């Protein structure tokens, strides 16, 4: 399995706007973590960006995970990029 990083952006007022989707978002992340796909994910301290690390068969799988997330589907995440990652340490 390959490793990937995801960088994305949050909408304005994300902390307020995410409320209706938060429980489903967290449940989905937990399921990804249990399957070994999601290694870590969280916002920057200013809540402007999101960063995640994944272990998956390919980039398309990571993109599918991101695009199926309630935060993406409801405009809480406004853009994202996925990069292959060569974890050294």
PDB file of N, CA and C in Angstrom:
ATOM      1  N   UNK A   1       0.836  -1.179   0.000  1.00  0.00           N
ATOM      2  CA  UNK A   1       0.000   0.000   0.000  1.00  0.00           C
ATOM      3  C   UNK A   1       0.883   1.247   0.000  1.00  0.00           C
ATOM      4  N   UNK A   2       0.450   2.234  -0.730  1.00  0.00           N
ATOM      5  CA  UNK A   2       1.175   3.492  -0.825  1.00  0.00           C
ATOM      6  C   UNK A   2       0.646   4.477   0.221  1.00  0.00           C
ATOM      7  N   UNK A   3       1.456   5.477   0.523  1.00  0.00           N
ATOM      8  CA  UNK A   3       1.045   6.518   1.466  1.00  0.00           C
ATOM      9  C   UNK A   3       0.807   7.817   0.710  1.00  0.00           C
ATOM     10  N   UNK A   4      -0.151   8.589   1.229  1.00  0.00           N
ATOM     11  CA  UNK A   4      -0.546   9.838   0.598  1.00  0.00           C
ATOM     12  C   UNK A   4      -0.807  10.885   1.661  1.00  0.00           C
ATOM     13  N   UNK A   5      -0.602  12.154   1.285  1.00  0.00           N
ATOM     14  CA  UNK A   5      -1.015  13.271   2.124  1.00  0.00           C
ATOM     15  C   UNK A   5      -2.094  14.047   1.384  1.00  0.00           C
ATOM     16  N   UNK A   6      -3.000  14.619   2.156  1.00  0.00           N
ATOM     17  CA  UNK A   6      -4.059  15.451   1.605  1.00  0.00           C
ATOM     18  C   UNK A   6      -4.006  16.801   2.295  1.00  0.00           C
ATOM     19  N   UNK A   7      -3.968  17.867   1.495  1.00  0.00           N
ATOM     20  CA  UNK A   7      -4.072  19.241   1.996  1.00  0.00           C
ATOM     21  C   UNK A   7      -5.353  19.819   1.442  1.00  0.00           C
ATOM     22  N   UNK A   8      -6.131  20.457   2.288  1.00  0.00           N
ATOM     23  CA  UNK A   8      -7.357  21.079   1.814  1.00  0.00           C
ATOM     24  C   UNK A   8      -7.638  22.366   2.562  1.00  0.00           C
ATOM     25  N   UNK A   9      -8.699  23.036   2.141  1.00  0.00           N
ATOM     26  CA  UNK A   9      -9.110  24.292   2.759  1.00  0.00           C
ATOM     27  C   UNK A   9     -10.527  24.171   3.306  1.00  0.00           C
ATOM     28  N   UNK A  10     -10.774  24.905   4.371  1.00  0.00           N
ATOM     29  CA  UNK A  10     -12.102  25.008   4.966  1.00  0.00           C
ATOM     30  C   UNK A  10     -12.801  26.267   4.454  1.00  0.00           C
ATOM     31  N   UNK A  11     -14.120  26.238   4.452  1.00  0.00           N
ATOM     32  CA  UNK A  11     -14.918  27.414   4.119  1.00  0.00           C
ATOM     33  C   UNK A  11     -14.816  28.428   5.260  1.00  0.00           C
ATOM     34  N   UNK A  12     -15.289  29.622   5.016  1.00  0.00           N
ATOM     35  CA  UNK A  12     -15.376  30.611   6.095  1.00  0.00           C
ATOM     36  C   UNK A  12     -16.406  30.137   7.100  1.00  0.00           C
ATOM     37  N   UNK A  13     -16.180  30.438   8.355  1.00  0.00           N
ATOM     38  CA  UNK A  13     -17.091  30.066   9.442  1.00  0.00           C
ATOM     39  C   UNK A  13     -17.317  28.553   9.513  1.00  0.00           C
ATOM     40  N   UNK A  14     -16.274  27.799   9.220  1.00  0.00           N
ATOM     41  CA  UNK A  14     -16.386  26.334   9.186  1.00  0.00           C
ATOM     42  C   UNK A  14     -16.819  25.755  10.525  1.00  0.00           C
ATOM     43  N   UNK A  15     -16.352  26.327  11.626  1.00  0.00           N
ATOM     44  CA  UNK A  15     -16.698  25.781  12.933  1.00  0.00           C
ATOM     45  C   UNK A  15     -18.213  25.809  13.170  1.00  0.00           C
ATOM     46  N   UNK A  16     -18.870  26.834  12.686  1.00  0.00           N
ATOM     47  CA  UNK A  16     -20.319  26.916  12.827  1.00  0.00           C
ATOM     48  C   UNK A  16     -21.029  26.080  11.760  1.00  0.00           C
ATOM     49  N   UNK A  17     -20.562  26.179  10.531  1.00  0.00           N
ATOM     50  CA  UNK A  17     -21.239  25.521   9.408  1.00  0.00           C
ATOM     51  C   UNK A  17     -21.114  23.997   9.435  1.00  0.00           C
ATOM     52  N   UNK A  18     -20.094  23.474  10.091  1.00  0.00           N
ATOM     53  CA  UNK A  18     -19.875  22.026  10.101  1.00  0.00           C
ATOM     54  C   UNK A  18     -20.821  21.281  11.048  1.00  0.00           C
ATOM     55  N   UNK A  19     -21.436  21.972  11.965  1.00  0.00           N
ATOM     56  CA  UNK A  19     -22.214  21.347  13.042  1.00  0.00           C
ATOM     57  C   UNK A  19     -23.184  20.268  12.567  1.00  0.00           C
ATOM     58  N   UNK A  20     -24.015  20.489  11.541  1.00  0.00           N
ATOM     59  CA  UNK A  20     -24.970  19.449  11.156  1.00  0.00           C
ATOM     60  C   UNK A  20     -24.325  18.189  10.576  1.00  0.00           C
ATOM     61  N   UNK A  21     -23.070  18.282  10.159  1.00  0.00           N
ATOM     62  CA  UNK A  21     -22.386  17.180   9.470  1.00  0.00           C
ATOM     63  C   UNK A  21     -21.305  16.525  10.318  1.00  0.00           C
ATOM     64  N   UNK A  22     -21.017  17.086  11.480  1.00  0.00           N
ATOM     65  CA  UNK A  22     -19.860  16.662  12.280  1.00  0.00           C
ATOM     66  C   UNK A  22     -19.941  15.204  12.727  1.00  0.00           C
ATOM     67  N   UNK A  23     -21.070  14.756  13.222  1.00  0.00           N
ATOM     68  CA  UNK A  23     -21.173  13.374  13.710  1.00  0.00           C
ATOM     69  C   UNK A  23     -20.926  12.381  12.575  1.00  0.00           C
ATOM     70  N   UNK A  24     -21.521  12.615  11.409  1.00  0.00           N
ATOM     71  CA  UNK A  24     -21.305  11.718  10.268  1.00  0.00           C
ATOM     72  C   UNK A  24     -19.864  11.783   9.777  1.00  0.00           C
ATOM     73  N   UNK A  25     -19.293  12.979   9.784  1.00  0.00           N
ATOM     74  CA  UNK A  25     -17.893  13.164   9.390  1.00  0.00           C
ATOM     75  C   UNK A  25     -16.975  12.340  10.292  1.00  0.00           C
ATOM     76  N   UNK A  26     -17.151  12.475  11.600  1.00  0.00           N
ATOM     77  CA  UNK A  26     -16.292  11.755  12.550  1.00  0.00           C
ATOM     78  C   UNK A  26     -16.503  10.246  12.478  1.00  0.00           C
ATOM     79  N   UNK A  27     -17.728   9.804  12.285  1.00  0.00           N
ATOM     80  CA  UNK A  27     -18.001   8.366  12.152  1.00  0.00           C
ATOM     81  C   UNK A  27     -17.314   7.808  10.905  1.00  0.00           C
ATOM     82  N   UNK A  28     -17.333   8.551   9.820  1.00  0.00           N
ATOM     83  CA  UNK A  28     -16.661   8.112   8.601  1.00  0.00           C
ATOM     84  C   UNK A  28     -15.154   8.033   8.774  1.00  0.00           C
ATOM     85  N   UNK A  29     -14.589   9.017   9.463  1.00  0.00           N
ATOM     86  CA  UNK A  29     -13.146   9.001   9.717  1.00  0.00           C
ATOM     87  C   UNK A  29     -12.765   7.816  10.588  1.00  0.00           C
ATOM     88  N   UNK A  30     -13.575   7.528  11.590  1.00  0.00           N
ATOM     89  CA  UNK A  30     -13.316   6.389  12.470  1.00  0.00           C
ATOM     90  C   UNK A  30     -13.337   5.086  11.674  1.00  0.00           C
ATOM     91  N   UNK A  31     -14.293   4.944  10.759  1.00  0.00           N
ATOM     92  CA  UNK A  31     -14.369   3.738   9.920  1.00  0.00           C
ATOM     93  C   UNK A  31     -13.135   3.613   9.030  1.00  0.00           C
ATOM     94  N   UNK A  32     -12.680   4.733   8.471  1.00  0.00           N
ATOM     95  CA  UNK A  32     -11.466   4.711   7.643  1.00  0.00           C
ATOM     96  C   UNK A  32     -10.256   4.323   8.483  1.00  0.00           C
ATOM     97  N   UNK A  33     -10.190   4.840   9.690  1.00  0.00           N
ATOM     98  CA  UNK A  33      -9.070   4.534  10.595  1.00  0.00           C
ATOM     99  C   UNK A  33      -9.067   3.044  10.948  1.00  0.00           C
ATOM    100  N   UNK A  34     -10.237   2.501  11.249  1.00  0.00           N
ATOM    101  CA  UNK A  34     -10.342   1.081  11.595  1.00  0.00           C
ATOM    102  C   UNK A  34      -9.924   0.177  10.437  1.00  0.00           C
ATOM    103  N   UNK A  35     -10.153   0.619   9.204  1.00  0.00           N
ATOM    104  CA  UNK A  35      -9.759  -0.155   8.017  1.00  0.00           C
ATOM    105  C   UNK A  35      -8.282   0.034   7.667  1.00  0.00           C
ATOM    106  N   UNK A  36      -7.605   0.932   8.381  1.00  0.00           N
ATOM    107  CA  UNK A  36      -6.192   1.178   8.119  1.00  0.00           C
ATOM    108  C   UNK A  36      -5.935   2.127   6.966  1.00  0.00           C
ATOM    109  N   UNK A  37      -6.973   2.793   6.469  1.00  0.00           N
ATOM    110  CA  UNK A  37      -6.812   3.722   5.349  1.00  0.00           C
ATOM    111  C   UNK A  37      -6.377   5.105   5.818  1.00  0.00           C
ATOM    112  N   UNK A  38      -6.984   5.592   6.872  1.00  0.00           N
ATOM    113  CA  UNK A  38      -6.682   6.911   7.405  1.00  0.00           C
ATOM    114  C   UNK A  38      -5.685   6.767   8.542  1.00  0.00           C
ATOM    115  N   UNK A  39      -4.569   7.451   8.435  1.00  0.00           N
ATOM    116  CA  UNK A  39      -3.555   7.422   9.481  1.00  0.00           C
ATOM    117  C   UNK A  39      -3.716   8.595  10.441  1.00  0.00           C
ATOM    118  N   UNK A  40      -4.013   9.774   9.898  1.00  0.00           N
ATOM    119  CA  UNK A  40      -4.216  10.963  10.719  1.00  0.00           C
ATOM    120  C   UNK A  40      -4.960  12.006   9.904  1.00  0.00           C
ATOM    121  N   UNK A  41      -5.664  12.894  10.604  1.00  0.00           N
ATOM    122  CA  UNK A  41      -6.362  13.971   9.912  1.00  0.00           C
ATOM    123  C   UNK A  41      -6.731  15.035  10.924  1.00  0.00           C
ATOM    124  N   UNK A  42      -6.618  16.288  10.541  1.00  0.00           N
ATOM    125  CA  UNK A  42      -7.024  17.365  11.429  1.00  0.00           C
ATOM    126  C   UNK A  42      -6.787  18.723  10.803  1.00  0.00           C
ATOM    127  N   UNK A  43      -7.345  19.757  11.451  1.00  0.00           N
ATOM    128  CA  UNK A  43      -7.189  21.117  10.950  1.00  0.00           C
ATOM    129  C   UNK A  43      -5.900  21.759  11.437  1.00  0.00           C
ATOM    130  N   UNK A  44      -5.492  22.799  10.732  1.00  0.00           N
ATOM    131  CA  UNK A  44      -4.425  23.650  11.242  1.00  0.00           C
ATOM    132  C   UNK A  44      -4.985  24.437  12.429  1.00  0.00           C
ATOM    133  N   UNK A  45      -4.124  25.001  13.241  1.00  0.00           N
ATOM    134  CA  UNK A  45      -4.587  25.668  14.460  1.00  0.00           C
ATOM    135  C   UNK A  45      -5.499  26.868  14.170  1.00  0.00           C
ATOM    136  N   UNK A  46      -5.419  27.439  12.978  1.00  0.00           N
ATOM    137  CA  UNK A  46      -6.302  28.563  12.635  1.00  0.00           C
ATOM    138  C   UNK A  46      -7.589  28.102  11.948  1.00  0.00           C
ATOM    139  N   UNK A  47      -7.762  26.781  11.837  1.00  0.00           N
ATOM    140  CA  UNK A  47      -8.952  26.191  11.211  1.00  0.00           C
ATOM    141  C   UNK A  47      -9.171  26.640   9.770  1.00  0.00           C
ATOM    142  N   UNK A  48      -8.089  26.948   9.077  1.00  0.00           N
ATOM    143  CA  UNK A  48      -8.189  27.346   7.674  1.00  0.00           C
ATOM    144  C   UNK A  48      -7.900  26.184   6.733  1.00  0.00           C
ATOM    145  N   UNK A  49      -7.043  25.266   7.154  1.00  0.00           N
ATOM    146  CA  UNK A  49      -6.607  24.154   6.311  1.00  0.00           C
ATOM    147  C   UNK A  49      -6.829  22.831   7.021  1.00  0.00           C
ATOM    148  N   UNK A  50      -6.944  21.774   6.232  1.00  0.00           N
ATOM    149  CA  UNK A  50      -7.020  20.418   6.763  1.00  0.00           C
ATOM    150  C   UNK A  50      -5.854  19.624   6.183  1.00  0.00           C
ATOM    151  N   UNK A  51      -5.294  18.747   6.990  1.00  0.00           N
ATOM    152  CA  UNK A  51      -4.172  17.908   6.578  1.00  0.00           C
ATOM    153  C   UNK A  51      -4.487  16.479   6.986  1.00  0.00           C
ATOM    154  N   UNK A  52      -4.276  15.542   6.086  1.00  0.00           N
ATOM    155  CA  UNK A  52      -4.496  14.140   6.410  1.00  0.00           C
ATOM    156  C   UNK A  52      -3.430  13.260   5.801  1.00  0.00           C
ATOM    157  N   UNK A  53      -3.197  12.118   6.416  1.00  0.00           N
ATOM    158  CA  UNK A  53      -2.300  11.111   5.867  1.00  0.00           C
ATOM    159  C   UNK A  53      -3.084   9.816   5.711  1.00  0.00           C
ATOM    160  N   UNK A  54      -2.835   9.151   4.608  1.00  0.00           N
ATOM    161  CA  UNK A  54      -3.573   7.945   4.249  1.00  0.00           C
ATOM    162  C   UNK A  54      -2.619   6.847   3.795  1.00  0.00           C
ATOM    163  N   UNK A  55      -3.082   5.618   3.897  1.00  0.00           N
ATOM    164  CA  UNK A  55      -2.393   4.472   3.313  1.00  0.00           C
ATOM    165  C   UNK A  55      -3.440   3.741   2.474  1.00  0.00           C
ATOM    166  N   UNK A  56      -3.235   3.735   1.172  1.00  0.00           N
ATOM    167  CA  UNK A  56      -4.249   3.203   0.263  1.00  0.00           C
ATOM    168  C   UNK A  56      -3.593   2.605  -0.976  1.00  0.00           C
ATOM    169  N   UNK A  57      -4.392   1.889  -1.734  1.00  0.00           N
ATOM    170  CA  UNK A  57      -3.888   1.249  -2.948  1.00  0.00           C
ATOM    171  C   UNK A  57      -3.440   2.268  -3.988  1.00  0.00           C
ATOM    172  N   UNK A  58      -4.156   3.397  -4.060  1.00  0.00           N
ATOM    173  CA  UNK A  58      -3.828   4.396  -5.076  1.00  0.00           C
ATOM    174  C   UNK A  58      -4.449   5.741  -4.724  1.00  0.00           C
ATOM    175  N   UNK A  59      -4.073   6.758  -5.474  1.00  0.00           N
ATOM    176  CA  UNK A  59      -4.574   8.113  -5.236  1.00  0.00           C
ATOM    177  C   UNK A  59      -6.086   8.191  -5.424  1.00  0.00           C
ATOM    178  N   UNK A  60      -6.612   7.447  -6.383  1.00  0.00           N
ATOM    179  CA  UNK A  60      -8.053   7.461  -6.643  1.00  0.00           C
ATOM    180  C   UNK A  60      -8.836   7.040  -5.400  1.00  0.00           C
ATOM    181  N   UNK A  61      -8.320   6.104  -4.642  1.00  0.00           N
ATOM    182  CA  UNK A  61      -8.988   5.662  -3.418  1.00  0.00           C
ATOM    183  C   UNK A  61      -9.046   6.793  -2.406  1.00  0.00           C
ATOM    184  N   UNK A  62      -7.956   7.523  -2.257  1.00  0.00           N
ATOM    185  CA  UNK A  62      -7.923   8.650  -1.325  1.00  0.00           C
ATOM    186  C   UNK A  62      -8.913   9.722  -1.776  1.00  0.00           C
ATOM    187  N   UNK A  63      -8.931  10.022  -3.058  1.00  0.00           N
ATOM    188  CA  UNK A  63      -9.867  11.021  -3.572  1.00  0.00           C
ATOM    189  C   UNK A  63     -11.315  10.599  -3.321  1.00  0.00           C
ATOM    190  N   UNK A  64     -11.599   9.326  -3.462  1.00  0.00           N
ATOM    191  CA  UNK A  64     -12.945   8.828  -3.202  1.00  0.00           C
ATOM    192  C   UNK A  64     -13.309   9.004  -1.725  1.00  0.00           C
ATOM    193  N   UNK A  65     -12.364   8.721  -0.828  1.00  0.00           N
ATOM    194  CA  UNK A  65     -12.608   8.910   0.605  1.00  0.00           C
ATOM    195  C   UNK A  65     -12.921  10.377   0.914  1.00  0.00           C
ATOM    196  N   UNK A  66     -12.124  11.277   0.355  1.00  0.00           N
ATOM    197  CA  UNK A  66     -12.326  12.703   0.596  1.00  0.00           C
ATOM    198  C   UNK A  66     -13.678  13.151   0.034  1.00  0.00           C
ATOM    199  N   UNK A  67     -13.971  12.767  -1.187  1.00  0.00           N
ATOM    200  CA  UNK A  67     -15.177  13.248  -1.850  1.00  0.00           C
ATOM    201  C   UNK A  67     -16.460  12.619  -1.309  1.00  0.00           C
ATOM    202  N   UNK A  68     -16.338  11.514  -0.586  1.00  0.00           N
ATOM    203  CA  UNK A  68     -17.504  10.916   0.064  1.00  0.00           C
ATOM    204  C   UNK A  68     -17.717  11.456   1.480  1.00  0.00           C
ATOM    205  N   UNK A  69     -16.804  12.275   1.957  1.00  0.00           N
ATOM    206  CA  UNK A  69     -16.920  12.839   3.303  1.00  0.00           C
ATOM    207  C   UNK A  69     -18.003  13.922   3.319  1.00  0.00           C
ATOM    208  N   UNK A  70     -18.825  13.953   4.364  1.00  0.00           N
ATOM    209  CA  UNK A  70     -19.860  14.985   4.465  1.00  0.00           C
ATOM    210  C   UNK A  70     -19.308  16.414   4.425  1.00  0.00           C
ATOM    211  N   UNK A  71     -18.087  16.610   4.891  1.00  0.00           N
ATOM    212  CA  UNK A  71     -17.511  17.956   4.841  1.00  0.00           C
ATOM    213  C   UNK A  71     -17.269  18.389   3.402  1.00  0.00           C
ATOM    214  N   UNK A  72     -16.848  17.481   2.539  1.00  0.00           N
ATOM    215  CA  UNK A  72     -16.655  17.816   1.132  1.00  0.00           C
ATOM    216  C   UNK A  72     -18.009  17.995   0.457  1.00  0.00           C
ATOM    217  N   UNK A  73     -18.892  17.070   0.684  1.00  0.00           N
ATOM    218  CA  UNK A  73     -20.196  17.088   0.014  1.00  0.00           C
ATOM    219  C   UNK A  73     -21.045  18.297   0.396  1.00  0.00           C
ATOM    220  N   UNK A  74     -20.783  18.893   1.538  1.00  0.00           N
ATOM    221  CA  UNK A  74     -21.573  20.038   2.005  1.00  0.00           C
ATOM    222  C   UNK A  74     -20.801  21.347   2.043  1.00  0.00           C
ATOM    223  N   UNK A  75     -19.649  21.389   1.374  1.00  0.00           N
ATOM    224  CA  UNK A  75     -18.917  22.636   1.204  1.00  0.00           C
ATOM    225  C   UNK A  75     -18.130  23.119   2.403  1.00  0.00           C
ATOM    226  N   UNK A  76     -17.925  22.259   3.397  1.00  0.00           N
ATOM    227  CA  UNK A  76     -17.094  22.643   4.538  1.00  0.00           C
ATOM    228  C   UNK A  76     -15.621  22.623   4.117  1.00  0.00           C
ATOM    229  N   UNK A  77     -15.236  21.567   3.394  1.00  0.00           N
ATOM    230  CA  UNK A  77     -13.937  21.565   2.703  1.00  0.00           C
ATOM    231  C   UNK A  77     -14.194  22.137   1.324  1.00  0.00           C
ATOM    232  N   UNK A  78     -13.418  23.125   0.925  1.00  0.00           N
ATOM    233  CA  UNK A  78     -13.693  23.817  -0.331  1.00  0.00           C
ATOM    234  C   UNK A  78     -12.756  23.434  -1.470  1.00  0.00           C
ATOM    235  N   UNK A  79     -11.620  22.884  -1.130  1.00  0.00           N
ATOM    236  CA  UNK A  79     -10.667  22.418  -2.145  1.00  0.00           C
ATOM    237  C   UNK A  79      -9.705  21.464  -1.463  1.00  0.00           C
ATOM    238  N   UNK A  80      -9.082  20.607  -2.260  1.00  0.00           N
ATOM    239  CA  UNK A  80      -8.084  19.704  -1.682  1.00  0.00           C
ATOM    240  C   UNK A  80      -7.143  19.223  -2.775  1.00  0.00           C
ATOM    241  N   UNK A  81      -5.966  18.792  -2.344  1.00  0.00           N
ATOM    242  CA  UNK A  81      -4.981  18.179  -3.229  1.00  0.00           C
ATOM    243  C   UNK A  81      -4.434  16.944  -2.531  1.00  0.00           C
ATOM    244  N   UNK A  82      -4.116  15.932  -3.321  1.00  0.00           N
ATOM    245  CA  UNK A  82      -3.549  14.685  -2.806  1.00  0.00           C
ATOM    246  C   UNK A  82      -2.167  14.512  -3.421  1.00  0.00           C
ATOM    247  N   UNK A  83      -1.219  14.115  -2.599  1.00  0.00           N
ATOM    248  CA  UNK A  83       0.155  13.886  -3.048  1.00  0.00           C
ATOM    249  C   UNK A  83       0.627  12.519  -2.569  1.00  0.00           C
ATOM    250  N   UNK A  84       1.338  11.803  -3.411  1.00  0.00           N
ATOM    251  CA  UNK A  84       2.022  10.608  -2.960  1.00  0.00           C
ATOM    252  C   UNK A  84       3.066  11.022  -1.942  1.00  0.00           C
ATOM    253  N   UNK A  85       3.265  10.193  -0.929  1.00  0.00           N
ATOM    254  CA  UNK A  85       4.145  10.565   0.179  1.00  0.00           C
ATOM    255  C   UNK A  85       5.161   9.467   0.428  1.00  0.00           C
ATOM    256  N   UNK A  86       6.410   9.850   0.467  1.00  0.00           N
ATOM    257  CA  UNK A  86       7.501   8.942   0.787  1.00  0.00           C
ATOM    258  C   UNK A  86       7.871   9.172   2.241  1.00  0.00           C
ATOM    259  N   UNK A  87       7.243   8.428   3.139  1.00  0.00           N
ATOM    260  CA  UNK A  87       7.506   8.595   4.575  1.00  0.00           C
ATOM    261  C   UNK A  87       8.878   8.027   4.911  1.00  0.00           C
ATOM    262  N   UNK A  88       9.752   8.886   5.395  1.00  0.00           N
ATOM    263  CA  UNK A  88      11.095   8.483   5.754  1.00  0.00           C
ATOM    264  C   UNK A  88      11.167   8.114   7.233  1.00  0.00           C
ATOM    265  N   UNK A  89      10.562   8.910   8.082  1.00  0.00           N
ATOM    266  CA  UNK A  89      10.516   8.645   9.524  1.00  0.00           C
ATOM    267  C   UNK A  89       9.085   8.632   9.982  1.00  0.00           C
TER     268      UNK A  89
END
